[in-house]
Amino acid sequence: MKCDIAKEIYKQAHLEGKFLLRSGQFSNEYFDKYLFEANPNLLSKIAKGMCELIPKDIEVLAGLEMGGIPLVTAIGLDSGIQCAFVRKKAKEYGTCKFAEGTQVSGRNVCIVEDVVTTGGQIIKSANMLREAGAKVDFVLCAIQRNSDATEILAKEGLTLIPYMTMAYIKEQVY
C-alpha cells in the first residue's frame, strides 16, 4: 500500500541532527533521498508504483544524474521501457555524450527524478534533451518536495507527475 511505502521512505531517509543545507542555513532534520534509493526492497516498491504513472507513448525513460539513475533503472526493469542516463554536462572523453544509454533523438522521453524541489536541473536537462531532438513533455518523480515545482515546470512545457509528495509522506507518519 502507498501509505506503508511512505512510512518506509520516512523511516529510511529522515535523519535528525545538525545539518548544513544547500541554502547555507542549518536544520535539525534532513531527508537523505539516497538512503531510500540504496534499499533494493524499498526502491523496487517505489518503482512499481511509479510504473503505473508513466504516460502513454513514452519510448524512453531519462534518469537524471545522480538520484534519477537508480530509479530509472528500477522502473525500466519493471516497465520494459528503454532508459537513458542524463549527465549535468557532457563528459569530456570517450563518446562526449550528456545522455548515455538508448537513443533519445526523435523519441518521446519522460524525465525521471527522485526528489523535485524547484525543478531547476530538470529544466536544464529537458532543454538539453530537446536540443538533442527528444520530445520531452513529462517528468516523473518519486517525491515532490515543493508544490511550486508543478507551476515552475509547467511554464517550461513540462507536466510533473509525482508518485507522492513530502506532505503526503509526513501525513502518514504524524
N, C-alpha and C. Protein backbone atom coordinates (compact mmCIF):
# COMPACT_ATOMS: atom_id res chain seq x y z
N MET A 1 0.83 -1.20 0.00
CA MET A 1 0.00 0.00 0.00
C MET A 1 0.88 1.26 0.00
N LYS A 2 0.42 2.28 -0.69
CA LYS A 2 1.20 3.51 -0.83
C LYS A 2 1.52 4.16 0.52
N CYS A 3 0.56 4.13 1.44
CA CYS A 3 0.81 4.76 2.75
C CYS A 3 1.90 4.02 3.51
N ASP A 4 1.98 2.71 3.35
CA ASP A 4 3.05 1.95 4.00
C ASP A 4 4.41 2.26 3.38
N ILE A 5 4.42 2.45 2.06
CA ILE A 5 5.67 2.82 1.37
C ILE A 5 6.13 4.19 1.85
N ALA A 6 5.19 5.12 2.02
CA ALA A 6 5.52 6.46 2.51
C ALA A 6 6.16 6.37 3.90
N LYS A 7 5.60 5.56 4.77
CA LYS A 7 6.17 5.38 6.12
C LYS A 7 7.56 4.79 6.04
N GLU A 8 7.75 3.83 5.14
CA GLU A 8 9.06 3.20 4.96
C GLU A 8 10.09 4.21 4.45
N ILE A 9 9.68 5.04 3.50
CA ILE A 9 10.58 6.08 2.98
C ILE A 9 11.02 7.00 4.11
N TYR A 10 10.07 7.44 4.90
CA TYR A 10 10.38 8.35 6.01
C TYR A 10 11.33 7.69 7.00
N LYS A 11 11.01 6.46 7.38
CA LYS A 11 11.84 5.73 8.34
C LYS A 11 13.26 5.55 7.82
N GLN A 12 13.38 5.29 6.52
CA GLN A 12 14.68 5.04 5.91
C GLN A 12 15.49 6.32 5.69
N ALA A 13 14.83 7.42 5.33
CA ALA A 13 15.54 8.60 4.84
C ALA A 13 15.52 9.83 5.75
N HIS A 14 14.67 9.85 6.76
CA HIS A 14 14.59 11.02 7.64
C HIS A 14 15.66 10.91 8.74
N LEU A 15 16.51 11.94 8.81
CA LEU A 15 17.58 11.96 9.79
C LEU A 15 17.42 13.17 10.71
N GLU A 16 17.84 13.01 11.96
CA GLU A 16 17.83 14.11 12.91
C GLU A 16 19.26 14.38 13.36
N GLY A 17 19.56 15.65 13.59
CA GLY A 17 20.91 16.06 13.98
C GLY A 17 21.09 17.51 13.59
N LYS A 18 22.32 17.91 13.27
CA LYS A 18 22.58 19.27 12.82
C LYS A 18 23.14 19.18 11.41
N PHE A 19 22.43 19.78 10.45
CA PHE A 19 22.79 19.64 9.04
C PHE A 19 22.89 21.01 8.39
N LEU A 20 23.96 21.22 7.62
CA LEU A 20 24.10 22.41 6.81
C LEU A 20 23.37 22.17 5.50
N LEU A 21 22.43 23.02 5.16
CA LEU A 21 21.65 22.88 3.94
C LEU A 21 22.31 23.63 2.79
N ARG A 22 21.93 23.31 1.55
CA ARG A 22 22.48 23.97 0.36
C ARG A 22 22.30 25.48 0.44
N SER A 23 21.21 25.92 1.08
CA SER A 23 20.91 27.34 1.22
C SER A 23 21.88 28.06 2.15
N GLY A 24 22.68 27.30 2.91
CA GLY A 24 23.59 27.89 3.89
C GLY A 24 23.00 27.91 5.29
N GLN A 25 21.73 27.58 5.41
CA GLN A 25 21.07 27.53 6.70
C GLN A 25 21.32 26.17 7.36
N PHE A 26 21.09 26.11 8.66
CA PHE A 26 21.20 24.85 9.39
C PHE A 26 19.81 24.33 9.70
N SER A 27 19.69 23.02 9.77
CA SER A 27 18.43 22.38 10.11
C SER A 27 18.69 21.24 11.08
N ASN A 28 17.71 20.95 11.92
CA ASN A 28 17.86 19.83 12.85
C ASN A 28 17.26 18.54 12.27
N GLU A 29 16.80 18.60 11.02
CA GLU A 29 16.35 17.39 10.34
C GLU A 29 16.79 17.44 8.88
N TYR A 30 16.94 16.27 8.31
CA TYR A 30 17.40 16.17 6.93
C TYR A 30 16.76 14.95 6.29
N PHE A 31 16.41 15.07 5.02
CA PHE A 31 15.84 13.97 4.27
C PHE A 31 16.88 13.49 3.27
N ASP A 32 17.48 12.33 3.51
CA ASP A 32 18.54 11.79 2.66
C ASP A 32 17.95 10.80 1.66
N LYS A 33 17.64 11.31 0.48
CA LYS A 33 16.98 10.51 -0.55
C LYS A 33 17.78 9.30 -0.98
N TYR A 34 19.10 9.38 -0.87
CA TYR A 34 19.93 8.25 -1.30
C TYR A 34 19.74 7.04 -0.40
N LEU A 35 19.29 7.25 0.82
CA LEU A 35 19.06 6.12 1.72
C LEU A 35 17.88 5.27 1.27
N PHE A 36 16.83 5.88 0.72
CA PHE A 36 15.73 5.03 0.24
C PHE A 36 16.07 4.42 -1.11
N GLU A 37 16.90 5.10 -1.89
CA GLU A 37 17.29 4.54 -3.19
C GLU A 37 18.30 3.40 -3.06
N ALA A 38 19.03 3.39 -1.97
CA ALA A 38 20.04 2.35 -1.75
C ALA A 38 19.44 1.08 -1.15
N ASN A 39 18.17 1.12 -0.80
CA ASN A 39 17.48 -0.04 -0.23
C ASN A 39 16.73 -0.76 -1.37
N PRO A 40 17.25 -1.89 -1.86
CA PRO A 40 16.66 -2.55 -3.03
C PRO A 40 15.18 -2.89 -2.88
N ASN A 41 14.78 -3.34 -1.71
CA ASN A 41 13.38 -3.70 -1.49
C ASN A 41 12.47 -2.48 -1.59
N LEU A 42 12.87 -1.40 -0.95
CA LEU A 42 12.07 -0.17 -0.98
C LEU A 42 12.11 0.46 -2.37
N LEU A 43 13.27 0.49 -3.00
CA LEU A 43 13.39 1.04 -4.35
C LEU A 43 12.47 0.29 -5.32
N SER A 44 12.40 -1.01 -5.18
CA SER A 44 11.53 -1.82 -6.04
C SER A 44 10.05 -1.46 -5.85
N LYS A 45 9.65 -1.26 -4.62
CA LYS A 45 8.25 -0.87 -4.34
C LYS A 45 7.92 0.49 -4.95
N ILE A 46 8.84 1.44 -4.80
CA ILE A 46 8.63 2.78 -5.35
C ILE A 46 8.56 2.70 -6.88
N ALA A 47 9.46 1.93 -7.49
CA ALA A 47 9.49 1.80 -8.96
C ALA A 47 8.19 1.20 -9.48
N LYS A 48 7.67 0.19 -8.80
CA LYS A 48 6.40 -0.43 -9.23
C LYS A 48 5.27 0.60 -9.20
N GLY A 49 5.23 1.42 -8.15
CA GLY A 49 4.22 2.47 -8.06
C GLY A 49 4.38 3.52 -9.14
N MET A 50 5.61 3.86 -9.44
CA MET A 50 5.87 4.88 -10.46
C MET A 50 5.55 4.36 -11.86
N CYS A 51 5.72 3.07 -12.08
CA CYS A 51 5.41 2.47 -13.39
C CYS A 51 3.96 2.74 -13.79
N GLU A 52 3.08 2.73 -12.82
CA GLU A 52 1.66 2.95 -13.08
C GLU A 52 1.36 4.37 -13.55
N LEU A 53 2.31 5.28 -13.37
CA LEU A 53 2.10 6.69 -13.70
C LEU A 53 2.75 7.11 -15.02
N ILE A 54 3.46 6.20 -15.67
CA ILE A 54 4.15 6.55 -16.92
C ILE A 54 3.11 6.90 -17.99
N PRO A 55 3.23 8.08 -18.59
CA PRO A 55 2.28 8.47 -19.64
C PRO A 55 2.36 7.53 -20.85
N LYS A 56 1.25 7.45 -21.57
CA LYS A 56 1.21 6.62 -22.78
C LYS A 56 2.18 7.15 -23.81
N ASP A 57 2.63 6.28 -24.67
CA ASP A 57 3.51 6.60 -25.80
C ASP A 57 4.93 7.00 -25.41
N ILE A 58 5.32 6.78 -24.15
CA ILE A 58 6.70 7.08 -23.76
C ILE A 58 7.60 5.97 -24.29
N GLU A 59 8.66 6.39 -24.98
CA GLU A 59 9.59 5.44 -25.58
C GLU A 59 10.90 5.33 -24.81
N VAL A 60 11.23 6.38 -24.05
CA VAL A 60 12.49 6.40 -23.30
C VAL A 60 12.23 7.03 -21.93
N LEU A 61 12.80 6.41 -20.90
CA LEU A 61 12.82 6.99 -19.56
C LEU A 61 14.22 7.54 -19.34
N ALA A 62 14.31 8.83 -19.03
CA ALA A 62 15.60 9.50 -18.89
C ALA A 62 15.86 9.85 -17.43
N GLY A 63 16.73 9.11 -16.79
CA GLY A 63 17.09 9.35 -15.39
C GLY A 63 18.16 10.41 -15.28
N LEU A 64 17.93 11.38 -14.39
CA LEU A 64 18.89 12.46 -14.21
C LEU A 64 19.95 12.09 -13.18
N GLU A 65 21.17 12.51 -13.48
CA GLU A 65 22.30 12.31 -12.58
C GLU A 65 22.01 13.02 -11.26
N MET A 66 22.14 12.48 -10.16
CA MET A 66 22.58 11.15 -9.84
C MET A 66 21.40 10.34 -9.30
N GLY A 67 20.48 11.01 -8.62
CA GLY A 67 19.38 10.31 -7.97
C GLY A 67 18.39 9.65 -8.91
N GLY A 68 18.26 10.17 -10.13
CA GLY A 68 17.32 9.58 -11.07
C GLY A 68 17.82 8.28 -11.69
N ILE A 69 19.12 8.02 -11.59
CA ILE A 69 19.70 6.84 -12.24
C ILE A 69 19.21 5.53 -11.61
N PRO A 70 19.29 5.35 -10.27
CA PRO A 70 18.77 4.10 -9.73
C PRO A 70 17.27 3.94 -9.96
N LEU A 71 16.53 5.05 -9.87
CA LEU A 71 15.09 4.98 -10.11
C LEU A 71 14.75 4.56 -11.53
N VAL A 72 15.38 5.20 -12.51
CA VAL A 72 15.07 4.90 -13.91
C VAL A 72 15.45 3.45 -14.24
N THR A 73 16.52 2.97 -13.64
CA THR A 73 16.92 1.58 -13.87
C THR A 73 15.87 0.62 -13.32
N ALA A 74 15.42 0.86 -12.09
CA ALA A 74 14.40 0.01 -11.47
C ALA A 74 13.08 0.09 -12.24
N ILE A 75 12.68 1.28 -12.65
CA ILE A 75 11.43 1.45 -13.40
C ILE A 75 11.55 0.77 -14.76
N GLY A 76 12.71 0.90 -15.39
CA GLY A 76 12.94 0.25 -16.68
C GLY A 76 12.83 -1.26 -16.57
N LEU A 77 13.35 -1.82 -15.50
CA LEU A 77 13.25 -3.27 -15.30
C LEU A 77 11.80 -3.71 -15.19
N ASP A 78 10.97 -2.92 -14.50
CA ASP A 78 9.56 -3.27 -14.34
C ASP A 78 8.73 -2.98 -15.58
N SER A 79 9.01 -1.87 -16.25
CA SER A 79 8.17 -1.44 -17.38
C SER A 79 8.62 -1.99 -18.72
N GLY A 80 9.88 -2.34 -18.84
CA GLY A 80 10.42 -2.78 -20.12
C GLY A 80 10.74 -1.63 -21.06
N ILE A 81 10.62 -0.38 -20.57
CA ILE A 81 10.92 0.79 -21.40
C ILE A 81 12.42 1.07 -21.33
N GLN A 82 13.01 1.37 -22.48
CA GLN A 82 14.44 1.65 -22.55
C GLN A 82 14.78 2.91 -21.76
N CYS A 83 16.04 2.96 -21.32
CA CYS A 83 16.48 4.06 -20.46
C CYS A 83 17.66 4.82 -21.03
N ALA A 84 17.71 6.09 -20.65
CA ALA A 84 18.87 6.95 -20.90
C ALA A 84 19.29 7.51 -19.55
N PHE A 85 20.58 7.75 -19.41
CA PHE A 85 21.14 8.28 -18.18
C PHE A 85 21.73 9.65 -18.51
N VAL A 86 21.14 10.69 -17.92
CA VAL A 86 21.44 12.06 -18.33
C VAL A 86 22.39 12.73 -17.34
N ARG A 87 23.53 13.17 -17.85
CA ARG A 87 24.52 13.89 -17.06
C ARG A 87 24.15 15.37 -16.97
N LYS A 88 24.73 16.05 -15.99
CA LYS A 88 24.53 17.50 -15.88
C LYS A 88 25.24 18.24 -17.00
N LYS A 89 26.32 17.67 -17.49
CA LYS A 89 27.02 18.20 -18.67
C LYS A 89 27.69 17.03 -19.38
N ALA A 90 27.93 17.22 -20.66
CA ALA A 90 28.55 16.16 -21.45
C ALA A 90 29.92 15.83 -20.89
N LYS A 91 30.23 14.53 -20.89
CA LYS A 91 31.57 14.16 -20.43
C LYS A 91 32.59 14.60 -21.48
N GLU A 92 33.80 14.81 -21.04
CA GLU A 92 34.82 15.39 -21.91
C GLU A 92 35.74 14.34 -22.52
N TYR A 93 35.36 13.08 -22.47
CA TYR A 93 36.18 12.00 -23.01
C TYR A 93 35.27 10.93 -23.60
N GLY A 94 35.85 9.96 -24.26
CA GLY A 94 35.08 8.86 -24.83
C GLY A 94 34.06 9.36 -25.84
N THR A 95 32.80 9.07 -25.62
CA THR A 95 31.75 9.47 -26.55
C THR A 95 31.35 10.94 -26.42
N CYS A 96 31.76 11.58 -25.33
CA CYS A 96 31.45 13.00 -25.06
C CYS A 96 29.95 13.28 -25.04
N LYS A 97 29.17 12.33 -24.58
CA LYS A 97 27.71 12.48 -24.53
C LYS A 97 27.25 13.01 -23.18
N PHE A 98 26.12 13.68 -23.19
CA PHE A 98 25.46 14.05 -21.94
C PHE A 98 24.37 13.05 -21.61
N ALA A 99 23.85 12.34 -22.63
CA ALA A 99 22.82 11.32 -22.42
C ALA A 99 23.39 9.98 -22.88
N GLU A 100 23.57 9.08 -21.92
CA GLU A 100 24.11 7.75 -22.19
C GLU A 100 22.95 6.76 -22.28
N GLY A 101 23.23 5.60 -22.83
CA GLY A 101 22.20 4.57 -22.92
C GLY A 101 21.50 4.63 -24.26
N THR A 102 20.20 4.44 -24.25
CA THR A 102 19.44 4.40 -25.51
C THR A 102 19.36 5.76 -26.17
N GLN A 103 19.12 5.75 -27.45
CA GLN A 103 19.00 6.97 -28.27
C GLN A 103 17.75 7.78 -27.87
N VAL A 104 17.87 9.10 -27.77
CA VAL A 104 16.74 9.95 -27.40
C VAL A 104 16.17 10.74 -28.58
N SER A 105 16.97 10.98 -29.59
CA SER A 105 16.55 11.80 -30.73
C SER A 105 15.33 11.21 -31.43
N GLY A 106 14.32 12.07 -31.63
CA GLY A 106 13.11 11.65 -32.33
C GLY A 106 12.18 10.78 -31.52
N ARG A 107 12.41 10.68 -30.22
CA ARG A 107 11.60 9.79 -29.39
C ARG A 107 10.90 10.55 -28.27
N ASN A 108 9.78 9.99 -27.80
CA ASN A 108 9.04 10.55 -26.67
C ASN A 108 9.75 10.14 -25.38
N VAL A 109 10.27 11.14 -24.67
CA VAL A 109 11.09 10.91 -23.49
C VAL A 109 10.39 11.45 -22.25
N CYS A 110 10.40 10.66 -21.19
CA CYS A 110 9.90 11.09 -19.88
C CYS A 110 11.10 11.16 -18.94
N ILE A 111 11.33 12.33 -18.37
CA ILE A 111 12.41 12.50 -17.40
C ILE A 111 12.00 11.84 -16.09
N VAL A 112 12.95 11.17 -15.44
CA VAL A 112 12.71 10.55 -14.15
C VAL A 112 13.68 11.17 -13.14
N GLU A 113 13.13 11.61 -12.01
CA GLU A 113 13.94 12.22 -10.96
C GLU A 113 13.48 11.67 -9.62
N ASP A 114 14.37 11.71 -8.63
CA ASP A 114 14.00 11.19 -7.32
C ASP A 114 13.17 12.20 -6.53
N VAL A 115 13.75 13.33 -6.18
CA VAL A 115 13.04 14.35 -5.40
C VAL A 115 13.09 15.67 -6.18
N VAL A 116 11.93 16.31 -6.30
CA VAL A 116 11.84 17.59 -7.02
C VAL A 116 11.47 18.69 -6.03
N THR A 117 12.31 19.72 -6.00
CA THR A 117 12.03 20.88 -5.14
C THR A 117 11.60 22.06 -6.02
N THR A 118 12.50 22.56 -6.85
CA THR A 118 12.15 23.68 -7.74
C THR A 118 12.22 23.28 -9.21
N GLY A 119 12.90 22.20 -9.52
CA GLY A 119 12.98 21.73 -10.90
C GLY A 119 14.06 22.38 -11.75
N GLY A 120 14.97 23.11 -11.13
CA GLY A 120 15.99 23.82 -11.89
C GLY A 120 16.82 22.92 -12.79
N GLN A 121 17.34 21.82 -12.25
CA GLN A 121 18.15 20.91 -13.07
C GLN A 121 17.29 20.18 -14.09
N ILE A 122 16.05 19.92 -13.75
CA ILE A 122 15.13 19.27 -14.70
C ILE A 122 14.96 20.14 -15.93
N ILE A 123 14.78 21.43 -15.74
CA ILE A 123 14.60 22.35 -16.86
C ILE A 123 15.84 22.36 -17.75
N LYS A 124 17.02 22.44 -17.13
CA LYS A 124 18.26 22.41 -17.91
C LYS A 124 18.38 21.11 -18.70
N SER A 125 18.10 20.00 -18.05
CA SER A 125 18.22 18.69 -18.72
C SER A 125 17.17 18.53 -19.81
N ALA A 126 15.95 19.00 -19.56
CA ALA A 126 14.90 18.93 -20.58
C ALA A 126 15.31 19.71 -21.82
N ASN A 127 15.88 20.89 -21.62
CA ASN A 127 16.33 21.71 -22.75
C ASN A 127 17.45 21.01 -23.52
N MET A 128 18.38 20.38 -22.81
CA MET A 128 19.46 19.65 -23.49
C MET A 128 18.89 18.47 -24.28
N LEU A 129 17.94 17.76 -23.70
CA LEU A 129 17.32 16.63 -24.40
C LEU A 129 16.55 17.11 -25.64
N ARG A 130 15.86 18.23 -25.49
CA ARG A 130 15.12 18.79 -26.63
C ARG A 130 16.08 19.21 -27.74
N GLU A 131 17.19 19.83 -27.36
CA GLU A 131 18.20 20.22 -28.35
C GLU A 131 18.77 19.01 -29.07
N ALA A 132 18.76 17.86 -28.40
CA ALA A 132 19.25 16.61 -29.00
C ALA A 132 18.17 15.91 -29.83
N GLY A 133 16.99 16.55 -29.94
CA GLY A 133 15.93 16.01 -30.78
C GLY A 133 14.87 15.21 -30.07
N ALA A 134 14.92 15.14 -28.75
CA ALA A 134 13.90 14.40 -27.99
C ALA A 134 12.64 15.24 -27.82
N LYS A 135 11.51 14.57 -27.73
CA LYS A 135 10.25 15.22 -27.40
C LYS A 135 10.04 14.98 -25.90
N VAL A 136 10.12 16.04 -25.11
CA VAL A 136 10.05 15.92 -23.65
C VAL A 136 8.89 16.77 -23.13
N ASP A 137 7.86 16.09 -22.63
CA ASP A 137 6.70 16.78 -22.08
C ASP A 137 6.41 16.43 -20.63
N PHE A 138 7.01 15.32 -20.14
CA PHE A 138 6.65 14.80 -18.82
C PHE A 138 7.87 14.58 -17.94
N VAL A 139 7.65 14.78 -16.63
CA VAL A 139 8.64 14.49 -15.61
C VAL A 139 7.96 13.64 -14.56
N LEU A 140 8.52 12.48 -14.30
CA LEU A 140 8.01 11.56 -13.29
C LEU A 140 8.98 11.58 -12.12
N CYS A 141 8.46 11.83 -10.91
CA CYS A 141 9.35 11.86 -9.75
C CYS A 141 8.80 10.99 -8.63
N ALA A 142 9.72 10.52 -7.79
CA ALA A 142 9.32 9.73 -6.63
C ALA A 142 8.63 10.62 -5.60
N ILE A 143 9.26 11.78 -5.31
CA ILE A 143 8.73 12.68 -4.28
C ILE A 143 8.81 14.12 -4.75
N GLN A 144 7.68 14.81 -4.66
CA GLN A 144 7.64 16.25 -4.92
C GLN A 144 7.74 16.95 -3.58
N ARG A 145 8.85 17.64 -3.37
CA ARG A 145 9.09 18.30 -2.09
C ARG A 145 8.33 19.63 -1.98
N ASN A 146 8.29 20.39 -3.07
CA ASN A 146 7.72 21.73 -3.06
C ASN A 146 6.58 21.80 -4.08
N SER A 147 5.41 22.23 -3.67
CA SER A 147 4.25 22.28 -4.57
C SER A 147 4.45 23.28 -5.71
N ASP A 148 5.32 24.28 -5.52
CA ASP A 148 5.58 25.27 -6.58
C ASP A 148 6.22 24.64 -7.82
N ALA A 149 6.84 23.49 -7.66
CA ALA A 149 7.53 22.84 -8.78
C ALA A 149 6.59 22.55 -9.94
N THR A 150 5.34 22.23 -9.66
CA THR A 150 4.36 21.94 -10.71
C THR A 150 4.22 23.13 -11.66
N GLU A 151 4.04 24.31 -11.09
CA GLU A 151 3.87 25.53 -11.88
C GLU A 151 5.17 25.94 -12.57
N ILE A 152 6.27 25.83 -11.87
CA ILE A 152 7.58 26.20 -12.44
C ILE A 152 7.85 25.36 -13.69
N LEU A 153 7.63 24.05 -13.60
CA LEU A 153 7.89 23.16 -14.73
C LEU A 153 6.86 23.36 -15.84
N ALA A 154 5.62 23.65 -15.47
CA ALA A 154 4.58 23.88 -16.48
C ALA A 154 4.93 25.06 -17.38
N LYS A 155 5.57 26.08 -16.82
CA LYS A 155 5.99 27.24 -17.61
C LYS A 155 7.01 26.85 -18.68
N GLU A 156 7.66 25.70 -18.49
CA GLU A 156 8.65 25.19 -19.44
C GLU A 156 8.07 24.09 -20.33
N GLY A 157 6.74 23.93 -20.28
CA GLY A 157 6.10 22.91 -21.10
C GLY A 157 6.24 21.50 -20.55
N LEU A 158 6.47 21.37 -19.25
CA LEU A 158 6.67 20.08 -18.63
C LEU A 158 5.57 19.79 -17.60
N THR A 159 4.99 18.61 -17.69
CA THR A 159 3.99 18.18 -16.73
C THR A 159 4.65 17.30 -15.69
N LEU A 160 4.58 17.72 -14.43
CA LEU A 160 5.17 16.97 -13.33
C LEU A 160 4.17 15.93 -12.82
N ILE A 161 4.64 14.68 -12.72
CA ILE A 161 3.82 13.58 -12.23
C ILE A 161 4.52 12.99 -11.01
N PRO A 162 4.12 13.39 -9.80
CA PRO A 162 4.76 12.85 -8.60
C PRO A 162 4.11 11.54 -8.15
N TYR A 163 4.94 10.60 -7.72
CA TYR A 163 4.41 9.38 -7.10
C TYR A 163 3.80 9.74 -5.74
N MET A 164 4.51 10.58 -4.98
CA MET A 164 3.95 11.11 -3.74
C MET A 164 4.61 12.44 -3.43
N THR A 165 4.04 13.16 -2.49
CA THR A 165 4.59 14.44 -2.07
C THR A 165 5.19 14.30 -0.68
N MET A 166 6.06 15.24 -0.34
CA MET A 166 6.64 15.24 1.00
C MET A 166 5.54 15.43 2.04
N ALA A 167 4.55 16.25 1.73
CA ALA A 167 3.43 16.46 2.65
C ALA A 167 2.69 15.15 2.91
N TYR A 168 2.47 14.37 1.85
CA TYR A 168 1.80 13.07 2.00
C TYR A 168 2.61 12.14 2.90
N ILE A 169 3.92 12.10 2.68
CA ILE A 169 4.78 11.24 3.50
C ILE A 169 4.66 11.62 4.98
N LYS A 170 4.75 12.91 5.25
CA LYS A 170 4.68 13.37 6.64
C LYS A 170 3.29 13.10 7.25
N GLU A 171 2.24 13.20 6.45
CA GLU A 171 0.88 12.89 6.95
C GLU A 171 0.76 11.45 7.41
N GLN A 172 1.47 10.56 6.74
CA GLN A 172 1.39 9.14 7.08
C GLN A 172 2.13 8.83 8.38
N VAL A 173 3.09 9.70 8.73
CA VAL A 173 3.93 9.46 9.90
C VAL A 173 3.37 10.14 11.14
N TYR A 174 2.85 11.35 10.98
CA TYR A 174 2.39 12.13 12.13
C TYR A 174 0.93 11.96 12.42
